[in-house]
């Protein structure tokens, strides 16, 4: 199945697009989507490992299943804030 993927600014710069499609099996998990991205775009490397997956507006676990009708976003965590 095709899954829609959204990448934040840093990841999108590496890939050259903020939205794309990846092909995964029908019973794919977030981890499978990550693996498909890593294989298709080796330049993402360690940054992809640190990305926070979001499905349906909520943080997702690597073991969460995804459907063709869902978008999986990978956002980079940010540091900072008040001490």
C-alpha atoms as a PDB file:
ATOM      1  CA  UNK A   1       0.000   0.000   0.000  1.00  0.00           C
ATOM      2  CA  UNK A   2       1.001   3.616  -0.423  1.00  0.00           C
ATOM      3  CA  UNK A   3       1.328   5.705   2.742  1.00  0.00           C
ATOM      4  CA  UNK A   4       1.507   9.480   2.767  1.00  0.00           C
ATOM      5  CA  UNK A   5       4.481  10.873   4.652  1.00  0.00           C
ATOM      6  CA  UNK A   6       5.095  14.427   5.814  1.00  0.00           C
ATOM      7  CA  UNK A   7       8.585  15.556   6.795  1.00  0.00           C
ATOM      8  CA  UNK A   8       9.543  18.599   8.833  1.00  0.00           C
ATOM      9  CA  UNK A   9      11.850  21.284   7.468  1.00  0.00           C
ATOM     10  CA  UNK A  10      15.216  19.622   8.163  1.00  0.00           C
ATOM     11  CA  UNK A  11      14.175  16.230   6.833  1.00  0.00           C
ATOM     12  CA  UNK A  12      12.354  17.820   3.904  1.00  0.00           C
ATOM     13  CA  UNK A  13      15.506  19.717   2.917  1.00  0.00           C
ATOM     14  CA  UNK A  14      17.490  16.479   2.764  1.00  0.00           C
ATOM     15  CA  UNK A  15      14.840  14.714   0.668  1.00  0.00           C
ATOM     16  CA  UNK A  16      13.866  17.744  -1.414  1.00  0.00           C
ATOM     17  CA  UNK A  17      10.149  17.476  -0.585  1.00  0.00           C
ATOM     18  CA  UNK A  18       7.970  17.914   2.484  1.00  0.00           C
ATOM     19  CA  UNK A  19       5.362  15.361   1.383  1.00  0.00           C
ATOM     20  CA  UNK A  20       5.857  12.041  -0.332  1.00  0.00           C
ATOM     21  CA  UNK A  21       4.516   8.514  -0.663  1.00  0.00           C
ATOM     22  CA  UNK A  22       6.216   5.300   0.409  1.00  0.00           C
ATOM     23  CA  UNK A  23       5.234   1.737  -0.403  1.00  0.00           C
ATOM     24  CA  UNK A  24       4.837  -0.659   2.522  1.00  0.00           C
ATOM     25  CA  UNK A  25       2.970  -3.894   3.184  1.00  0.00           C
ATOM     26  CA  UNK A  26      -0.736  -3.818   4.024  1.00  0.00           C
ATOM     27  CA  UNK A  27      -0.030  -4.608   7.699  1.00  0.00           C
ATOM     28  CA  UNK A  28       2.732  -1.994   8.030  1.00  0.00           C
ATOM     29  CA  UNK A  29       3.742  -0.285  11.247  1.00  0.00           C
ATOM     30  CA  UNK A  30       5.352   3.093  11.807  1.00  0.00           C
ATOM     31  CA  UNK A  31       8.699   1.231  11.970  1.00  0.00           C
ATOM     32  CA  UNK A  32       8.045  -0.185   8.487  1.00  0.00           C
ATOM     33  CA  UNK A  33       7.415   3.316   7.158  1.00  0.00           C
ATOM     34  CA  UNK A  34      10.678   4.475   8.765  1.00  0.00           C
ATOM     35  CA  UNK A  35      12.539   1.591   7.168  1.00  0.00           C
ATOM     36  CA  UNK A  36      11.066   2.341   3.743  1.00  0.00           C
ATOM     37  CA  UNK A  37      12.124   5.981   4.078  1.00  0.00           C
ATOM     38  CA  UNK A  38      15.644   5.042   5.173  1.00  0.00           C
ATOM     39  CA  UNK A  39      16.035   2.703   2.208  1.00  0.00           C
ATOM     40  CA  UNK A  40      14.680   5.229  -0.293  1.00  0.00           C
ATOM     41  CA  UNK A  41      16.600   8.186   1.153  1.00  0.00           C
ATOM     42  CA  UNK A  42      19.880   7.042   2.745  1.00  0.00           C
ATOM     43  CA  UNK A  43      20.849  10.680   3.371  1.00  0.00           C
ATOM     44  CA  UNK A  44      18.287  10.872   6.169  1.00  0.00           C
ATOM     45  CA  UNK A  45      20.502   8.590   8.272  1.00  0.00           C
ATOM     46  CA  UNK A  46      20.611   9.235  12.012  1.00  0.00           C
ATOM     47  CA  UNK A  47      18.275  12.221  11.791  1.00  0.00           C
ATOM     48  CA  UNK A  48      15.449   9.897  10.877  1.00  0.00           C
ATOM     49  CA  UNK A  49      16.197   7.760  13.945  1.00  0.00           C
ATOM     50  CA  UNK A  50      15.660  10.828  16.166  1.00  0.00           C
ATOM     51  CA  UNK A  51      12.467  11.931  14.421  1.00  0.00           C
ATOM     52  CA  UNK A  52       9.208  11.839  16.356  1.00  0.00           C
ATOM     53  CA  UNK A  53       6.469   9.943  14.488  1.00  0.00           C
ATOM     54  CA  UNK A  54       2.987  11.464  14.517  1.00  0.00           C
ATOM     55  CA  UNK A  55      -0.121   9.726  13.165  1.00  0.00           C
ATOM     56  CA  UNK A  56      -3.518  11.384  13.252  1.00  0.00           C
ATOM     57  CA  UNK A  57      -2.159  14.343  15.230  1.00  0.00           C
ATOM     58  CA  UNK A  58      -0.851  12.170  18.068  1.00  0.00           C
ATOM     59  CA  UNK A  59       2.574  10.834  18.905  1.00  0.00           C
ATOM     60  CA  UNK A  60       2.854   7.291  17.604  1.00  0.00           C
ATOM     61  CA  UNK A  61       4.859   4.268  18.699  1.00  0.00           C
ATOM     62  CA  UNK A  62       6.993   2.362  16.225  1.00  0.00           C
ATOM     63  CA  UNK A  63       4.706  -0.638  16.714  1.00  0.00           C
ATOM     64  CA  UNK A  64       1.522   1.261  15.782  1.00  0.00           C
ATOM     65  CA  UNK A  65      -0.057   0.073  12.546  1.00  0.00           C
ATOM     66  CA  UNK A  66      -0.733   2.557   9.767  1.00  0.00           C
ATOM     67  CA  UNK A  67      -3.356   2.535   7.066  1.00  0.00           C
ATOM     68  CA  UNK A  68      -3.395   3.849   3.517  1.00  0.00           C
ATOM     69  CA  UNK A  69      -5.802   6.586   4.600  1.00  0.00           C
ATOM     70  CA  UNK A  70      -3.424   7.926   7.259  1.00  0.00           C
ATOM     71  CA  UNK A  71      -0.572  10.394   7.000  1.00  0.00           C
ATOM     72  CA  UNK A  72       2.566   9.671   8.985  1.00  0.00           C
ATOM     73  CA  UNK A  73       4.530  12.770   9.928  1.00  0.00           C
ATOM     74  CA  UNK A  74       8.122  12.724  11.120  1.00  0.00           C
ATOM     75  CA  UNK A  75       9.071  15.770  13.136  1.00  0.00           C
ATOM     76  CA  UNK A  76      12.432  16.640  14.618  1.00  0.00           C
ATOM     77  CA  UNK A  77      12.395  17.388  18.343  1.00  0.00           C
ATOM     78  CA  UNK A  78      13.416  20.869  19.395  1.00  0.00           C
ATOM     79  CA  UNK A  79      15.287  21.891  22.507  1.00  0.00           C
ATOM     80  CA  UNK A  80      14.952  24.987  24.556  1.00  0.00           C
ATOM     81  CA  UNK A  81      12.392  26.683  26.679  1.00  0.00           C
ATOM     82  CA  UNK A  82      12.463  28.253  30.093  1.00  0.00           C
ATOM     83  CA  UNK A  83      14.863  26.946  32.670  1.00  0.00           C
END
